[in-house]
Amino acid sequence: MAKIAFLGLGVMGYPMAGHLAAKGHDVTVYNRTTSKAEEWVKQHGGNFGKTPAEAVAGAEFVMSCVGNDDDLRSVCTGEDGAFAGMESGTVFVDHTTVSAAVTRELYAVAAQKDIAFVDAPISGGQAGAENGVLSVMCGGDKEAFDRAEPVIDAYAKICRLLGECGAGQLTKMCNQIAIAGLVQGLAESLHFAQKAGLDGEAVVEVISQGAAGSWQMMNRHKTMLDDHYDHGFAVDWMRKDLGICLKTADENGASLPVTALVDQFYKDVQKLGGKRWDTSSLLKRLQEMG
């Protein structure tokens, strides 16, 4: 069992850190709102640090799951940042969805301190985190990945090294690009069924068994038909991710017309007051449009 620090106790990080504790690892947590860290310790044991540097003291592995590029830089660097408190040879595993650029930047900073850095964004949503069945896509040095993989397995269904530093983030972009089109297609299908006077549940029961079937269809159609969006991955976060995808596409020459369109549809959802709604709320947009 390893000594681990986990930085960031949001809807994903909280249960992920819990799985590590359940496996018997010695876990110290940090969260920007200290009361959340105190709550986690009461539930799972272990300890908490008041700063990232304090939380990572003596850790063999440091996991992070925060909000965006700026949050990750803040947690890693500076006088109270994780890098300041980590020992030579420690492995830092970042589960945040951020740009490949900030990943490469922090990889280089970590290397100067003899700290290994693995970018390891995740997919599977809150349910995947709670059930310990996340998909983890990694980039970095193979030696560091091989050391970290048995630890990551505590909350992973699959964990794979896709290439050098940044490859994990680029793969997560592929994931979000695919999801954007899928959710819009599902929203249009359900909207069409409603307009045609069909029973949406019955329609999905049939078409989900054929080529139209998807994770989104099986896991989101009922809540969409019930007009329930107070759960899951928030629209604000999806727009953040799609912004990263579109910026990267501008840099590498990829053409993402559907992704760009769906990003604007999510902007419409935000205007409807749906910033924190689940990403499946694209159906709500269609319904509001008539």
C-alpha atoms as a PDB file:
ATOM      1  CA  MET A   1       0.000   0.000   0.000  1.00  0.00           C
ATOM      2  CA  ALA A   2       1.204   3.500  -0.836  1.00  0.00           C
ATOM      3  CA  LYS A   3       1.220   6.897   0.838  1.00  0.00           C
ATOM      4  CA  ILE A   4      -0.922   9.087  -1.421  1.00  0.00           C
ATOM      5  CA  ALA A   5      -2.073  12.695  -1.506  1.00  0.00           C
ATOM      6  CA  PHE A   6      -5.274  13.569  -3.357  1.00  0.00           C
ATOM      7  CA  LEU A   7      -5.823  17.216  -4.312  1.00  0.00           C
ATOM      8  CA  GLY A   8      -9.354  18.307  -5.201  1.00  0.00           C
ATOM      9  CA  LEU A   9     -12.513  16.816  -3.703  1.00  0.00           C
ATOM     10  CA  GLY A  10     -15.198  17.731  -6.209  1.00  0.00           C
ATOM     11  CA  VAL A  11     -17.898  15.367  -7.482  1.00  0.00           C
ATOM     12  CA  MET A  12     -15.193  13.225  -9.102  1.00  0.00           C
ATOM     13  CA  GLY A  13     -12.251  13.588  -6.732  1.00  0.00           C
ATOM     14  CA  TYR A  14     -14.193  12.909  -3.525  1.00  0.00           C
ATOM     15  CA  PRO A  15     -15.214   9.341  -4.419  1.00  0.00           C
ATOM     16  CA  MET A  16     -11.927   8.635  -6.242  1.00  0.00           C
ATOM     17  CA  ALA A  17      -9.967   9.446  -3.089  1.00  0.00           C
ATOM     18  CA  GLY A  18     -12.441   7.284  -1.194  1.00  0.00           C
ATOM     19  CA  HIS A  19     -11.637   4.272  -3.378  1.00  0.00           C
ATOM     20  CA  LEU A  20      -7.940   4.724  -2.633  1.00  0.00           C
ATOM     21  CA  ALA A  21      -8.650   4.726   1.098  1.00  0.00           C
ATOM     22  CA  ALA A  22     -10.905   1.674   0.740  1.00  0.00           C
ATOM     23  CA  LYS A  23      -8.016  -0.188  -0.916  1.00  0.00           C
ATOM     24  CA  GLY A  24      -5.938   0.419   2.183  1.00  0.00           C
ATOM     25  CA  HIS A  25      -3.721   3.236   0.951  1.00  0.00           C
ATOM     26  CA  ASP A  26      -2.607   5.938   3.388  1.00  0.00           C
ATOM     27  CA  VAL A  27      -4.444   8.949   1.930  1.00  0.00           C
ATOM     28  CA  THR A  28      -4.062  12.631   2.765  1.00  0.00           C
ATOM     29  CA  VAL A  29      -6.452  15.000   0.994  1.00  0.00           C
ATOM     30  CA  TYR A  30      -6.527  18.682   0.167  1.00  0.00           C
ATOM     31  CA  ASN A  31      -9.426  20.808  -0.972  1.00  0.00           C
ATOM     32  CA  ARG A  32      -9.637  24.555  -1.470  1.00  0.00           C
ATOM     33  CA  THR A  33     -12.663  24.553   0.848  1.00  0.00           C
ATOM     34  CA  THR A  34     -11.210  22.941   3.963  1.00  0.00           C
ATOM     35  CA  SER A  35     -14.589  21.854   5.328  1.00  0.00           C
ATOM     36  CA  LYS A  36     -14.911  19.418   2.406  1.00  0.00           C
ATOM     37  CA  ALA A  37     -11.556  17.860   3.309  1.00  0.00           C
ATOM     38  CA  GLU A  38     -12.633  17.575   6.956  1.00  0.00           C
ATOM     39  CA  GLU A  39     -15.860  15.888   5.841  1.00  0.00           C
ATOM     40  CA  TRP A  40     -13.891  13.402   3.719  1.00  0.00           C
ATOM     41  CA  VAL A  41     -11.585  12.508   6.613  1.00  0.00           C
ATOM     42  CA  LYS A  42     -14.569  11.903   8.903  1.00  0.00           C
ATOM     43  CA  GLN A  43     -16.013   9.520   6.324  1.00  0.00           C
ATOM     44  CA  HIS A  44     -12.880   7.737   5.123  1.00  0.00           C
ATOM     45  CA  GLY A  45     -10.165   8.302   7.718  1.00  0.00           C
ATOM     46  CA  GLY A  46      -6.713   9.510   6.747  1.00  0.00           C
ATOM     47  CA  ASN A  47      -5.642  13.126   7.053  1.00  0.00           C
ATOM     48  CA  PHE A  48      -5.986  16.459   5.302  1.00  0.00           C
ATOM     49  CA  GLY A  49      -3.563  19.259   4.546  1.00  0.00           C
ATOM     50  CA  LYS A  50      -4.403  22.954   4.682  1.00  0.00           C
ATOM     51  CA  THR A  51      -2.249  23.590   1.603  1.00  0.00           C
ATOM     52  CA  PRO A  52      -1.194  21.363  -1.306  1.00  0.00           C
ATOM     53  CA  ALA A  53       2.415  21.466  -0.053  1.00  0.00           C
ATOM     54  CA  GLU A  54       1.315  20.272   3.380  1.00  0.00           C
ATOM     55  CA  ALA A  55      -0.895  17.518   1.965  1.00  0.00           C
ATOM     56  CA  VAL A  56       1.824  16.003  -0.251  1.00  0.00           C
ATOM     57  CA  ALA A  57       4.532  15.795   2.433  1.00  0.00           C
ATOM     58  CA  GLY A  58       6.030  12.301   2.316  1.00  0.00           C
ATOM     59  CA  ALA A  59       3.677  11.069  -0.422  1.00  0.00           C
ATOM     60  CA  GLU A  60       4.825   8.546  -3.018  1.00  0.00           C
ATOM     61  CA  PHE A  61       1.991   9.498  -5.380  1.00  0.00           C
ATOM     62  CA  VAL A  62       0.039  12.723  -5.723  1.00  0.00           C
ATOM     63  CA  MET A  63      -3.297  12.732  -7.560  1.00  0.00           C
ATOM     64  CA  SER A  64      -5.113  15.904  -8.592  1.00  0.00           C
ATOM     65  CA  CYS A  65      -8.603  16.518  -9.925  1.00  0.00           C
ATOM     66  CA  VAL A  66      -9.366  20.238 -10.013  1.00  0.00           C
ATOM     67  CA  GLY A  67     -11.146  22.625 -12.378  1.00  0.00           C
ATOM     68  CA  ASN A  68      -9.105  24.108 -15.197  1.00  0.00           C
ATOM     69  CA  ASP A  69      -5.636  25.190 -16.339  1.00  0.00           C
ATOM     70  CA  ASP A  70      -5.350  27.995 -13.807  1.00  0.00           C
ATOM     71  CA  ASP A  71      -6.558  25.786 -10.935  1.00  0.00           C
ATOM     72  CA  LEU A  72      -3.990  23.139 -11.829  1.00  0.00           C
ATOM     73  CA  ARG A  73      -1.141  25.654 -12.003  1.00  0.00           C
ATOM     74  CA  SER A  74      -2.209  27.046  -8.629  1.00  0.00           C
ATOM     75  CA  VAL A  75      -2.264  23.606  -7.014  1.00  0.00           C
ATOM     76  CA  CYS A  76       1.109  22.609  -8.486  1.00  0.00           C
ATOM     77  CA  THR A  77       3.286  25.708  -8.311  1.00  0.00           C
ATOM     78  CA  GLY A  78       4.021  28.505  -5.876  1.00  0.00           C
ATOM     79  CA  GLU A  79       5.255  28.554  -2.304  1.00  0.00           C
ATOM     80  CA  ASP A  80       2.376  26.392  -1.025  1.00  0.00           C
ATOM     81  CA  GLY A  81       1.979  24.348  -4.223  1.00  0.00           C
ATOM     82  CA  ALA A  82       2.347  20.599  -4.439  1.00  0.00           C
ATOM     83  CA  PHE A  83       5.689  20.699  -6.252  1.00  0.00           C
ATOM     84  CA  ALA A  84       7.203  22.632  -3.336  1.00  0.00           C
ATOM     85  CA  GLY A  85       6.364  19.822  -0.919  1.00  0.00           C
ATOM     86  CA  MET A  86       7.021  16.765  -3.097  1.00  0.00           C
ATOM     87  CA  GLU A  87      10.149  14.666  -2.736  1.00  0.00           C
ATOM     88  CA  SER A  88      12.440  13.606  -5.568  1.00  0.00           C
ATOM     89  CA  GLY A  89      11.070  10.537  -7.363  1.00  0.00           C
ATOM     90  CA  THR A  90       7.425  11.187  -6.503  1.00  0.00           C
ATOM     91  CA  VAL A  91       4.810  10.637  -9.235  1.00  0.00           C
ATOM     92  CA  PHE A  92       2.212  13.359  -9.859  1.00  0.00           C
ATOM     93  CA  VAL A  93      -0.924  12.103 -11.640  1.00  0.00           C
ATOM     94  CA  ASP A  94      -3.297  14.770 -12.935  1.00  0.00           C
ATOM     95  CA  HIS A  95      -6.893  13.700 -13.569  1.00  0.00           C
ATOM     96  CA  THR A  96      -8.115  17.199 -14.479  1.00  0.00           C
ATOM     97  CA  THR A  97      -9.276  17.883 -18.021  1.00  0.00           C
ATOM     98  CA  VAL A  98      -6.972  20.707 -19.100  1.00  0.00           C
ATOM     99  CA  SER A  99      -5.065  21.815 -22.187  1.00  0.00           C
ATOM    100  CA  ALA A 100      -2.165  19.741 -23.450  1.00  0.00           C
ATOM    101  CA  ALA A 101      -0.143  22.973 -23.299  1.00  0.00           C
ATOM    102  CA  VAL A 102      -0.423  23.371 -19.509  1.00  0.00           C
ATOM    103  CA  THR A 103       0.259  19.663 -19.111  1.00  0.00           C
ATOM    104  CA  ARG A 104       3.528  19.975 -21.035  1.00  0.00           C
ATOM    105  CA  GLU A 105       4.411  23.129 -19.118  1.00  0.00           C
ATOM    106  CA  LEU A 106       3.973  21.440 -15.742  1.00  0.00           C
ATOM    107  CA  TYR A 107       5.675  18.253 -16.925  1.00  0.00           C
ATOM    108  CA  ALA A 108       8.779  20.339 -17.666  1.00  0.00           C
ATOM    109  CA  VAL A 109       8.617  22.138 -14.302  1.00  0.00           C
ATOM    110  CA  ALA A 110       8.197  18.819 -12.497  1.00  0.00           C
ATOM    111  CA  ALA A 111      11.127  17.271 -14.369  1.00  0.00           C
ATOM    112  CA  GLN A 112      13.426  20.018 -13.084  1.00  0.00           C
ATOM    113  CA  LYS A 113      12.533  18.878  -9.562  1.00  0.00           C
ATOM    114  CA  ASP A 114      12.936  15.159 -10.425  1.00  0.00           C
ATOM    115  CA  ILE A 115       9.169  14.672 -10.127  1.00  0.00           C
ATOM    116  CA  ALA A 116       7.397  12.449 -12.667  1.00  0.00           C
ATOM    117  CA  PHE A 117       4.221  13.909 -14.204  1.00  0.00           C
ATOM    118  CA  VAL A 118       1.469  11.827 -15.817  1.00  0.00           C
ATOM    119  CA  ASP A 119      -1.539  13.482 -17.447  1.00  0.00           C
ATOM    120  CA  ALA A 120      -4.471  11.153 -16.833  1.00  0.00           C
ATOM    121  CA  PRO A 121      -7.864  12.728 -17.620  1.00  0.00           C
ATOM    122  CA  ILE A 122     -10.907  10.607 -16.909  1.00  0.00           C
ATOM    123  CA  SER A 123     -14.258   9.735 -18.446  1.00  0.00           C
ATOM    124  CA  GLY A 124     -17.279   8.039 -16.926  1.00  0.00           C
ATOM    125  CA  GLY A 125     -18.953  10.838 -15.031  1.00  0.00           C
ATOM    126  CA  GLN A 126     -19.907  11.037 -11.388  1.00  0.00           C
ATOM    127  CA  ALA A 127     -21.420   7.548 -11.470  1.00  0.00           C
ATOM    128  CA  GLY A 128     -18.181   6.144 -12.872  1.00  0.00           C
ATOM    129  CA  ALA A 129     -16.189   7.816 -10.107  1.00  0.00           C
ATOM    130  CA  GLU A 130     -18.541   6.583  -7.392  1.00  0.00           C
ATOM    131  CA  ASN A 131     -18.541   3.025  -8.754  1.00  0.00           C
ATOM    132  CA  GLY A 132     -14.801   2.943  -9.448  1.00  0.00           C
ATOM    133  CA  VAL A 133     -15.179   2.245 -13.182  1.00  0.00           C
ATOM    134  CA  LEU A 134     -13.609   5.280 -14.848  1.00  0.00           C
ATOM    135  CA  SER A 135     -11.792   5.265 -18.175  1.00  0.00           C
ATOM    136  CA  VAL A 136      -8.350   6.778 -17.615  1.00  0.00           C
ATOM    137  CA  MET A 137      -6.343   8.005 -20.612  1.00  0.00           C
ATOM    138  CA  CYS A 138      -2.711   8.733 -19.855  1.00  0.00           C
ATOM    139  CA  GLY A 139       0.284  10.527 -21.298  1.00  0.00           C
ATOM    140  CA  GLY A 140       3.830  10.613 -19.975  1.00  0.00           C
ATOM    141  CA  ASP A 141       6.878   8.453 -19.407  1.00  0.00           C
ATOM    142  CA  LYS A 142       6.248   4.699 -19.346  1.00  0.00           C
ATOM    143  CA  GLU A 143       8.227   4.172 -16.137  1.00  0.00           C
ATOM    144  CA  ALA A 144       6.068   6.680 -14.258  1.00  0.00           C
ATOM    145  CA  PHE A 145       2.887   5.236 -15.761  1.00  0.00           C
ATOM    146  CA  ASP A 146       3.866   1.695 -14.798  1.00  0.00           C
ATOM    147  CA  ARG A 147       4.372   2.841 -11.201  1.00  0.00           C
ATOM    148  CA  ALA A 148       1.078   4.736 -11.075  1.00  0.00           C
ATOM    149  CA  GLU A 149      -1.209   2.280 -12.855  1.00  0.00           C
ATOM    150  CA  PRO A 150      -1.724  -0.108  -9.890  1.00  0.00           C
ATOM    151  CA  VAL A 151      -2.772   2.882  -7.782  1.00  0.00           C
ATOM    152  CA  ILE A 152      -5.094   4.292 -10.461  1.00  0.00           C
ATOM    153  CA  ASP A 153      -6.736   0.846 -10.767  1.00  0.00           C
ATOM    154  CA  ALA A 154      -8.555   1.582  -7.497  1.00  0.00           C
ATOM    155  CA  TYR A 155     -11.095   3.630  -9.468  1.00  0.00           C
ATOM    156  CA  ALA A 156     -10.513   2.592 -13.094  1.00  0.00           C
ATOM    157  CA  LYS A 157     -12.280   0.239 -15.463  1.00  0.00           C
ATOM    158  CA  ILE A 158      -9.533   0.797 -18.013  1.00  0.00           C
ATOM    159  CA  CYS A 159      -6.255   2.694 -17.724  1.00  0.00           C
ATOM    160  CA  ARG A 160      -3.992   3.017 -20.741  1.00  0.00           C
ATOM    161  CA  LEU A 161      -0.864   4.930 -21.737  1.00  0.00           C
ATOM    162  CA  LEU A 162      -1.541   6.636 -25.085  1.00  0.00           C
ATOM    163  CA  GLY A 163       1.831   8.285 -25.650  1.00  0.00           C
ATOM    164  CA  GLU A 164       4.152  10.952 -24.345  1.00  0.00           C
ATOM    165  CA  CYS A 165       3.215  13.921 -22.176  1.00  0.00           C
ATOM    166  CA  GLY A 166      -0.069  15.480 -23.384  1.00  0.00           C
ATOM    167  CA  ALA A 167      -1.383  12.335 -25.104  1.00  0.00           C
ATOM    168  CA  GLY A 168      -3.868  11.738 -22.313  1.00  0.00           C
ATOM    169  CA  GLN A 169      -5.339  15.215 -22.679  1.00  0.00           C
ATOM    170  CA  LEU A 170      -5.505  14.887 -26.467  1.00  0.00           C
ATOM    171  CA  THR A 171      -7.358  11.586 -26.076  1.00  0.00           C
ATOM    172  CA  LYS A 172      -9.807  13.209 -23.651  1.00  0.00           C
ATOM    173  CA  MET A 173     -10.455  15.826 -26.339  1.00  0.00           C
ATOM    174  CA  CYS A 174     -11.362  12.980 -28.724  1.00  0.00           C
ATOM    175  CA  ASN A 175     -13.749  11.716 -26.052  1.00  0.00           C
ATOM    176  CA  GLN A 176     -15.505  15.072 -25.644  1.00  0.00           C
ATOM    177  CA  ILE A 177     -15.704  15.609 -29.405  1.00  0.00           C
ATOM    178  CA  ALA A 178     -17.440  12.240 -29.790  1.00  0.00           C
ATOM    179  CA  ILE A 179     -19.823  12.906 -26.888  1.00  0.00           C
ATOM    180  CA  ALA A 180     -20.880  16.325 -28.208  1.00  0.00           C
ATOM    181  CA  GLY A 181     -22.164  14.865 -31.460  1.00  0.00           C
ATOM    182  CA  LEU A 182     -23.766  11.877 -29.741  1.00  0.00           C
ATOM    183  CA  VAL A 183     -25.740  13.969 -27.255  1.00  0.00           C
ATOM    184  CA  GLN A 184     -26.988  16.350 -29.928  1.00  0.00           C
ATOM    185  CA  GLY A 185     -28.067  13.404 -32.074  1.00  0.00           C
ATOM    186  CA  LEU A 186     -29.884  11.834 -29.122  1.00  0.00           C
ATOM    187  CA  ALA A 187     -31.572  15.142 -28.265  1.00  0.00           C
ATOM    188  CA  GLU A 188     -32.790  15.558 -31.853  1.00  0.00           C
ATOM    189  CA  SER A 189     -34.029  11.948 -31.946  1.00  0.00           C
ATOM    190  CA  LEU A 190     -36.061  12.339 -28.748  1.00  0.00           C
ATOM    191  CA  HIS A 191     -37.351  15.746 -29.835  1.00  0.00           C
ATOM    192  CA  PHE A 192     -38.485  14.271 -33.158  1.00  0.00           C
ATOM    193  CA  ALA A 193     -40.204  11.375 -31.359  1.00  0.00           C
ATOM    194  CA  GLN A 194     -42.092  13.819 -29.141  1.00  0.00           C
ATOM    195  CA  LYS A 195     -43.175  15.942 -32.100  1.00  0.00           C
ATOM    196  CA  ALA A 196     -44.302  12.806 -33.936  1.00  0.00           C
ATOM    197  CA  GLY A 197     -46.458  11.743 -31.003  1.00  0.00           C
ATOM    198  CA  LEU A 198     -44.406   8.650 -30.226  1.00  0.00           C
ATOM    199  CA  ASP A 199     -43.660   7.137 -26.822  1.00  0.00           C
ATOM    200  CA  GLY A 200     -40.035   8.134 -26.275  1.00  0.00           C
ATOM    201  CA  GLU A 201     -39.361   5.256 -23.868  1.00  0.00           C
ATOM    202  CA  ALA A 202     -40.680   2.714 -26.369  1.00  0.00           C
ATOM    203  CA  VAL A 203     -38.677   4.276 -29.184  1.00  0.00           C
ATOM    204  CA  VAL A 204     -35.443   4.057 -27.207  1.00  0.00           C
ATOM    205  CA  GLU A 205     -36.196   0.488 -26.109  1.00  0.00           C
ATOM    206  CA  VAL A 206     -36.200  -0.523 -29.754  1.00  0.00           C
ATOM    207  CA  ILE A 207     -33.526   1.648 -31.351  1.00  0.00           C
ATOM    208  CA  SER A 208     -31.035   1.243 -28.493  1.00  0.00           C
ATOM    209  CA  GLN A 209     -30.693  -2.429 -29.414  1.00  0.00           C
ATOM    210  CA  GLY A 210     -29.508  -1.552 -32.901  1.00  0.00           C
ATOM    211  CA  ALA A 211     -26.859   0.631 -34.471  1.00  0.00           C
ATOM    212  CA  ALA A 212     -28.191   3.784 -32.754  1.00  0.00           C
ATOM    213  CA  GLY A 213     -27.415   2.471 -29.273  1.00  0.00           C
ATOM    214  CA  SER A 214     -24.900   4.328 -27.094  1.00  0.00           C
ATOM    215  CA  TRP A 215     -23.944   4.937 -23.465  1.00  0.00           C
ATOM    216  CA  GLN A 216     -25.634   8.327 -23.660  1.00  0.00           C
ATOM    217  CA  MET A 217     -28.850   6.793 -24.913  1.00  0.00           C
ATOM    218  CA  MET A 218     -28.974   4.085 -22.258  1.00  0.00           C
ATOM    219  CA  ASN A 219     -27.999   6.321 -19.346  1.00  0.00           C
ATOM    220  CA  ARG A 220     -29.589   9.661 -20.211  1.00  0.00           C
ATOM    221  CA  HIS A 221     -32.777   9.131 -22.220  1.00  0.00           C
ATOM    222  CA  LYS A 222     -35.055   8.679 -19.175  1.00  0.00           C
ATOM    223  CA  THR A 223     -33.884  11.837 -17.422  1.00  0.00           C
ATOM    224  CA  MET A 224     -34.107  13.749 -20.691  1.00  0.00           C
ATOM    225  CA  LEU A 225     -37.683  12.636 -21.273  1.00  0.00           C
ATOM    226  CA  ASP A 226     -38.487  13.532 -17.658  1.00  0.00           C
ATOM    227  CA  ASP A 227     -37.003  17.025 -18.160  1.00  0.00           C
ATOM    228  CA  HIS A 228     -34.537  16.338 -15.347  1.00  0.00           C
ATOM    229  CA  TYR A 229     -31.070  17.839 -15.714  1.00  0.00           C
ATOM    230  CA  ASP A 230     -29.932  18.485 -12.144  1.00  0.00           C
ATOM    231  CA  HIS A 231     -27.208  15.842 -12.231  1.00  0.00           C
ATOM    232  CA  GLY A 232     -24.168  14.691 -14.140  1.00  0.00           C
ATOM    233  CA  PHE A 233     -21.567  16.678 -16.046  1.00  0.00           C
ATOM    234  CA  ALA A 234     -22.392  20.394 -16.118  1.00  0.00           C
ATOM    235  CA  VAL A 235     -22.788  22.434 -19.290  1.00  0.00           C
ATOM    236  CA  ASP A 236     -20.249  24.985 -18.030  1.00  0.00           C
ATOM    237  CA  TRP A 237     -17.608  22.263 -17.763  1.00  0.00           C
ATOM    238  CA  MET A 238     -18.486  20.844 -21.175  1.00  0.00           C
ATOM    239  CA  ARG A 239     -18.066  24.273 -22.751  1.00  0.00           C
ATOM    240  CA  LYS A 240     -14.691  24.559 -21.040  1.00  0.00           C
ATOM    241  CA  ASP A 241     -13.673  21.201 -22.515  1.00  0.00           C
ATOM    242  CA  LEU A 242     -15.013  21.952 -25.986  1.00  0.00           C
ATOM    243  CA  GLY A 243     -13.183  25.279 -25.927  1.00  0.00           C
ATOM    244  CA  ILE A 244      -9.950  23.353 -25.371  1.00  0.00           C
ATOM    245  CA  CYS A 245     -10.850  21.015 -28.239  1.00  0.00           C
ATOM    246  CA  LEU A 246     -11.589  23.856 -30.664  1.00  0.00           C
ATOM    247  CA  LYS A 247      -8.456  25.803 -29.727  1.00  0.00           C
ATOM    248  CA  THR A 248      -6.308  22.710 -30.205  1.00  0.00           C
ATOM    249  CA  ALA A 249      -8.000  21.996 -33.537  1.00  0.00           C
ATOM    250  CA  ASP A 250      -7.083  25.497 -34.710  1.00  0.00           C
ATOM    251  CA  GLU A 251      -3.485  24.684 -33.836  1.00  0.00           C
ATOM    252  CA  ASN A 252      -3.259  21.231 -35.423  1.00  0.00           C
ATOM    253  CA  GLY A 253      -5.507  21.834 -38.421  1.00  0.00           C
ATOM    254  CA  ALA A 254      -8.320  19.428 -37.492  1.00  0.00           C
ATOM    255  CA  SER A 255     -11.797  20.245 -38.810  1.00  0.00           C
ATOM    256  CA  LEU A 256     -14.498  20.097 -36.119  1.00  0.00           C
ATOM    257  CA  PRO A 257     -17.679  21.584 -37.619  1.00  0.00           C
ATOM    258  CA  VAL A 258     -20.139  19.561 -35.524  1.00  0.00           C
ATOM    259  CA  THR A 259     -18.216  20.223 -32.318  1.00  0.00           C
ATOM    260  CA  ALA A 260     -18.180  23.957 -33.014  1.00  0.00           C
ATOM    261  CA  LEU A 261     -21.932  23.910 -33.667  1.00  0.00           C
ATOM    262  CA  VAL A 262     -22.767  21.935 -30.517  1.00  0.00           C
ATOM    263  CA  ASP A 263     -20.582  24.282 -28.483  1.00  0.00           C
ATOM    264  CA  GLN A 264     -22.825  27.136 -29.620  1.00  0.00           C
ATOM    265  CA  PHE A 265     -25.905  25.082 -28.737  1.00  0.00           C
ATOM    266  CA  TYR A 266     -24.516  24.727 -25.216  1.00  0.00           C
ATOM    267  CA  LYS A 267     -24.071  28.485 -25.174  1.00  0.00           C
ATOM    268  CA  ASP A 268     -27.814  28.716 -25.848  1.00  0.00           C
ATOM    269  CA  VAL A 269     -28.453  26.365 -22.900  1.00  0.00           C
ATOM    270  CA  GLN A 270     -26.375  28.631 -20.671  1.00  0.00           C
ATOM    271  CA  LYS A 271     -28.577  31.557 -21.719  1.00  0.00           C
ATOM    272  CA  LEU A 272     -31.613  29.505 -20.668  1.00  0.00           C
ATOM    273  CA  GLY A 273     -30.143  29.348 -17.165  1.00  0.00           C
ATOM    274  CA  GLY A 274     -28.653  25.887 -17.633  1.00  0.00           C
ATOM    275  CA  LYS A 275     -25.021  26.517 -16.725  1.00  0.00           C
ATOM    276  CA  ARG A 276     -25.099  23.728 -14.143  1.00  0.00           C
ATOM    277  CA  TRP A 277     -27.518  21.456 -15.998  1.00  0.00           C
ATOM    278  CA  ASP A 278     -26.316  18.095 -17.257  1.00  0.00           C
ATOM    279  CA  THR A 279     -24.972  18.072 -20.820  1.00  0.00           C
ATOM    280  CA  SER A 280     -28.031  16.116 -21.979  1.00  0.00           C
ATOM    281  CA  SER A 281     -29.989  19.383 -21.614  1.00  0.00           C
ATOM    282  CA  LEU A 282     -29.540  19.914 -25.355  1.00  0.00           C
ATOM    283  CA  LEU A 283     -33.058  18.475 -25.583  1.00  0.00           C
ATOM    284  CA  LYS A 284     -34.334  21.330 -23.401  1.00  0.00           C
ATOM    285  CA  ARG A 285     -32.904  23.786 -25.934  1.00  0.00           C
ATOM    286  CA  LEU A 286     -34.826  22.142 -28.773  1.00  0.00           C
ATOM    287  CA  GLN A 287     -38.036  22.121 -26.754  1.00  0.00           C
ATOM    288  CA  GLU A 288     -37.645  25.806 -25.889  1.00  0.00           C
ATOM    289  CA  MET A 289     -37.157  26.584 -29.563  1.00  0.00           C
ATOM    290  CA  GLY A 290     -40.473  24.908 -30.286  1.00  0.00           C
END
